[in-house]
Amino acid sequence: MRLVYFAAVREAIGVASETCDLPAHVRNIHDAIDWLAGQSSGHALAFQDKSRLRFALDQDMVPLDAMLGDAHELAIFPPVTGG
């Protein structure tokens, strides 16, 4: 799966995107975030508060409990503020 990171998430991890073969037990976004958080200290920092993040599967916004299914891309966004 292609993982795309934006803003503070990208800065914490150190890359804008990466491709990962997620383990079989990773079925939804919550599982994916938990697994990713264990990949490096940057990932752990980026995903320490899942409730503040926003997600898109194949460019459609979805909740944290959304099933990954056969999606090709998971985008992860930090909170966005406007002015």
N, C-alpha and C. Protein backbone atom coordinates (compact mmCIF):
# COMPACT_ATOMS: atom_id res chain seq x y z
N MET A 1 0.84 -1.17 0.00
CA MET A 1 0.00 0.00 0.00
C MET A 1 0.89 1.24 0.00
N ARG A 2 0.46 2.23 -0.74
CA ARG A 2 1.18 3.51 -0.74
C ARG A 2 0.64 4.35 0.41
N LEU A 3 1.53 4.85 1.23
CA LEU A 3 1.17 5.70 2.35
C LEU A 3 1.68 7.10 2.04
N VAL A 4 0.80 8.08 2.18
CA VAL A 4 1.14 9.47 1.87
C VAL A 4 0.94 10.29 3.14
N TYR A 5 1.96 11.07 3.48
CA TYR A 5 1.95 11.85 4.72
C TYR A 5 1.97 13.34 4.40
N PHE A 6 1.24 14.11 5.20
CA PHE A 6 1.14 15.55 4.99
C PHE A 6 1.56 16.33 6.23
N ALA A 7 2.13 17.49 6.00
CA ALA A 7 2.46 18.50 7.02
C ALA A 7 3.25 17.90 8.19
N ALA A 8 2.74 18.05 9.41
CA ALA A 8 3.48 17.62 10.60
C ALA A 8 3.74 16.11 10.62
N VAL A 9 2.84 15.33 10.04
CA VAL A 9 3.06 13.89 9.96
C VAL A 9 4.28 13.61 9.08
N ARG A 10 4.35 14.26 7.93
CA ARG A 10 5.49 14.12 7.02
C ARG A 10 6.78 14.55 7.71
N GLU A 11 6.74 15.65 8.42
CA GLU A 11 7.93 16.15 9.10
C GLU A 11 8.43 15.19 10.17
N ALA A 12 7.51 14.60 10.93
CA ALA A 12 7.90 13.68 12.00
C ALA A 12 8.51 12.40 11.44
N ILE A 13 7.95 11.90 10.33
CA ILE A 13 8.42 10.65 9.75
C ILE A 13 9.66 10.87 8.89
N GLY A 14 9.71 12.02 8.22
CA GLY A 14 10.88 12.34 7.42
C GLY A 14 10.76 12.01 5.95
N VAL A 15 9.60 11.53 5.53
CA VAL A 15 9.35 11.26 4.11
C VAL A 15 7.92 11.67 3.78
N ALA A 16 7.68 12.02 2.52
CA ALA A 16 6.34 12.40 2.07
C ALA A 16 5.47 11.19 1.78
N SER A 17 6.10 10.08 1.42
CA SER A 17 5.34 8.87 1.14
C SER A 17 6.26 7.66 1.24
N GLU A 18 5.65 6.51 1.37
CA GLU A 18 6.38 5.25 1.37
C GLU A 18 5.42 4.15 0.95
N THR A 19 5.97 3.05 0.52
CA THR A 19 5.17 1.90 0.14
C THR A 19 5.48 0.77 1.11
N CYS A 20 4.44 0.19 1.68
CA CYS A 20 4.60 -0.88 2.66
C CYS A 20 3.70 -2.05 2.31
N ASP A 21 4.17 -3.24 2.61
CA ASP A 21 3.33 -4.43 2.59
C ASP A 21 2.82 -4.59 4.01
N LEU A 22 1.57 -4.24 4.23
CA LEU A 22 1.03 -4.33 5.58
C LEU A 22 0.80 -5.79 5.96
N PRO A 23 1.03 -6.14 7.21
CA PRO A 23 0.81 -7.52 7.65
C PRO A 23 -0.67 -7.92 7.53
N ALA A 24 -0.92 -9.20 7.46
CA ALA A 24 -2.28 -9.71 7.27
C ALA A 24 -3.24 -9.28 8.38
N HIS A 25 -2.74 -9.09 9.61
CA HIS A 25 -3.62 -8.71 10.71
C HIS A 25 -4.08 -7.25 10.63
N VAL A 26 -3.48 -6.47 9.76
CA VAL A 26 -3.85 -5.06 9.60
C VAL A 26 -5.03 -4.99 8.64
N ARG A 27 -6.21 -4.74 9.20
CA ARG A 27 -7.43 -4.77 8.39
C ARG A 27 -8.10 -3.41 8.23
N ASN A 28 -7.88 -2.52 9.18
CA ASN A 28 -8.49 -1.19 9.09
C ASN A 28 -7.44 -0.13 9.36
N ILE A 29 -7.83 1.13 9.28
CA ILE A 29 -6.87 2.21 9.46
C ILE A 29 -6.30 2.20 10.87
N HIS A 30 -7.13 1.95 11.85
CA HIS A 30 -6.66 1.89 13.25
C HIS A 30 -5.52 0.88 13.37
N ASP A 31 -5.71 -0.31 12.82
CA ASP A 31 -4.67 -1.34 12.85
C ASP A 31 -3.40 -0.84 12.14
N ALA A 32 -3.58 -0.19 10.99
CA ALA A 32 -2.44 0.29 10.21
C ALA A 32 -1.64 1.33 10.99
N ILE A 33 -2.34 2.24 11.65
CA ILE A 33 -1.66 3.28 12.43
C ILE A 33 -0.91 2.66 13.60
N ASP A 34 -1.53 1.70 14.28
CA ASP A 34 -0.84 1.02 15.38
C ASP A 34 0.42 0.32 14.88
N TRP A 35 0.33 -0.37 13.75
CA TRP A 35 1.49 -1.07 13.19
C TRP A 35 2.55 -0.07 12.75
N LEU A 36 2.15 0.99 12.07
CA LEU A 36 3.11 1.99 11.60
C LEU A 36 3.83 2.66 12.76
N ALA A 37 3.12 2.91 13.85
CA ALA A 37 3.73 3.57 15.02
C ALA A 37 4.92 2.79 15.56
N GLY A 38 4.96 1.50 15.31
CA GLY A 38 6.07 0.68 15.77
C GLY A 38 7.24 0.62 14.81
N GLN A 39 7.14 1.29 13.69
CA GLN A 39 8.19 1.18 12.67
C GLN A 39 9.40 2.06 12.92
N SER A 40 9.23 3.19 13.60
CA SER A 40 10.36 4.06 13.92
C SER A 40 9.92 5.07 14.97
N SER A 41 10.86 5.78 15.54
CA SER A 41 10.50 6.81 16.53
C SER A 41 9.75 7.95 15.86
N GLY A 42 10.05 8.24 14.61
CA GLY A 42 9.32 9.28 13.87
C GLY A 42 7.88 8.89 13.65
N HIS A 43 7.66 7.62 13.29
CA HIS A 43 6.29 7.13 13.11
C HIS A 43 5.54 7.20 14.45
N ALA A 44 6.19 6.78 15.52
CA ALA A 44 5.56 6.80 16.85
C ALA A 44 5.15 8.22 17.22
N LEU A 45 6.01 9.18 16.95
CA LEU A 45 5.70 10.58 17.23
C LEU A 45 4.52 11.07 16.38
N ALA A 46 4.54 10.76 15.10
CA ALA A 46 3.50 11.22 14.18
C ALA A 46 2.13 10.65 14.55
N PHE A 47 2.10 9.43 15.09
CA PHE A 47 0.83 8.74 15.32
C PHE A 47 0.47 8.60 16.79
N GLN A 48 1.08 9.42 17.66
CA GLN A 48 0.82 9.28 19.09
C GLN A 48 -0.61 9.63 19.49
N ASP A 49 -1.29 10.47 18.72
CA ASP A 49 -2.68 10.82 19.02
C ASP A 49 -3.53 10.62 17.77
N LYS A 50 -3.95 9.38 17.56
CA LYS A 50 -4.74 9.03 16.37
C LYS A 50 -6.02 9.83 16.25
N SER A 51 -6.59 10.21 17.36
CA SER A 51 -7.88 10.91 17.32
C SER A 51 -7.79 12.27 16.64
N ARG A 52 -6.60 12.82 16.54
CA ARG A 52 -6.43 14.13 15.90
C ARG A 52 -6.13 14.04 14.40
N LEU A 53 -5.89 12.85 13.91
CA LEU A 53 -5.53 12.67 12.51
C LEU A 53 -6.77 12.50 11.63
N ARG A 54 -6.59 12.76 10.35
CA ARG A 54 -7.64 12.54 9.35
C ARG A 54 -7.06 11.62 8.28
N PHE A 55 -7.95 10.87 7.61
CA PHE A 55 -7.49 9.83 6.70
C PHE A 55 -8.28 9.83 5.40
N ALA A 56 -7.60 9.43 4.34
CA ALA A 56 -8.26 9.24 3.05
C ALA A 56 -7.77 7.93 2.45
N LEU A 57 -8.72 7.12 2.00
CA LEU A 57 -8.39 5.90 1.27
C LEU A 57 -8.70 6.15 -0.20
N ASP A 58 -7.71 6.00 -1.04
CA ASP A 58 -7.87 6.26 -2.47
C ASP A 58 -8.59 7.59 -2.71
N GLN A 59 -8.18 8.61 -1.96
CA GLN A 59 -8.61 10.00 -2.07
C GLN A 59 -10.05 10.26 -1.60
N ASP A 60 -10.62 9.33 -0.83
CA ASP A 60 -11.93 9.55 -0.20
C ASP A 60 -11.73 9.62 1.30
N MET A 61 -12.18 10.70 1.93
CA MET A 61 -12.04 10.84 3.38
C MET A 61 -12.85 9.75 4.08
N VAL A 62 -12.20 9.14 5.10
CA VAL A 62 -12.82 8.03 5.83
C VAL A 62 -12.47 8.14 7.31
N PRO A 63 -13.26 7.48 8.18
CA PRO A 63 -12.95 7.50 9.62
C PRO A 63 -11.84 6.51 9.97
N LEU A 64 -11.35 6.62 11.18
CA LEU A 64 -10.27 5.78 11.69
C LEU A 64 -10.61 4.30 11.63
N ASP A 65 -11.87 3.94 11.77
CA ASP A 65 -12.26 2.52 11.78
C ASP A 65 -12.57 1.97 10.39
N ALA A 66 -12.31 2.73 9.34
CA ALA A 66 -12.59 2.27 7.98
C ALA A 66 -11.72 1.07 7.62
N MET A 67 -12.34 0.10 6.97
CA MET A 67 -11.62 -1.08 6.50
C MET A 67 -10.74 -0.70 5.31
N LEU A 68 -9.54 -1.28 5.25
CA LEU A 68 -8.63 -0.99 4.15
C LEU A 68 -9.07 -1.64 2.85
N GLY A 69 -9.68 -2.81 2.94
CA GLY A 69 -10.15 -3.51 1.75
C GLY A 69 -9.05 -3.63 0.71
N ASP A 70 -9.38 -3.28 -0.53
CA ASP A 70 -8.38 -3.37 -1.60
C ASP A 70 -7.86 -2.00 -2.01
N ALA A 71 -7.91 -1.05 -1.07
CA ALA A 71 -7.41 0.31 -1.35
C ALA A 71 -5.92 0.26 -1.71
N HIS A 72 -5.51 1.20 -2.54
CA HIS A 72 -4.12 1.28 -2.97
C HIS A 72 -3.34 2.37 -2.24
N GLU A 73 -4.07 3.37 -1.69
CA GLU A 73 -3.39 4.50 -1.06
C GLU A 73 -4.10 4.92 0.21
N LEU A 74 -3.31 5.15 1.24
CA LEU A 74 -3.80 5.70 2.51
C LEU A 74 -3.06 7.01 2.73
N ALA A 75 -3.80 8.10 2.78
CA ALA A 75 -3.22 9.41 3.07
C ALA A 75 -3.55 9.78 4.51
N ILE A 76 -2.58 10.36 5.19
CA ILE A 76 -2.74 10.70 6.60
C ILE A 76 -2.42 12.19 6.79
N PHE A 77 -3.39 12.90 7.39
CA PHE A 77 -3.31 14.34 7.55
C PHE A 77 -3.37 14.70 9.03
N PRO A 78 -2.57 15.67 9.47
CA PRO A 78 -2.73 16.20 10.82
C PRO A 78 -3.91 17.17 10.82
N PRO A 79 -4.31 17.64 11.99
CA PRO A 79 -5.39 18.63 12.02
C PRO A 79 -5.01 19.86 11.17
N VAL A 80 -5.99 20.42 10.55
CA VAL A 80 -5.77 21.58 9.70
C VAL A 80 -6.54 22.76 10.28
N THR A 81 -5.86 23.89 10.37
CA THR A 81 -6.55 25.09 10.81
C THR A 81 -6.53 26.10 9.69
N GLY A 82 -7.50 26.92 9.68
CA GLY A 82 -7.58 27.94 8.63
C GLY A 82 -7.63 29.32 9.22
N GLY A 83 -7.53 30.30 8.37
CA GLY A 83 -7.54 31.66 8.89
C GLY A 83 -8.29 32.59 8.02
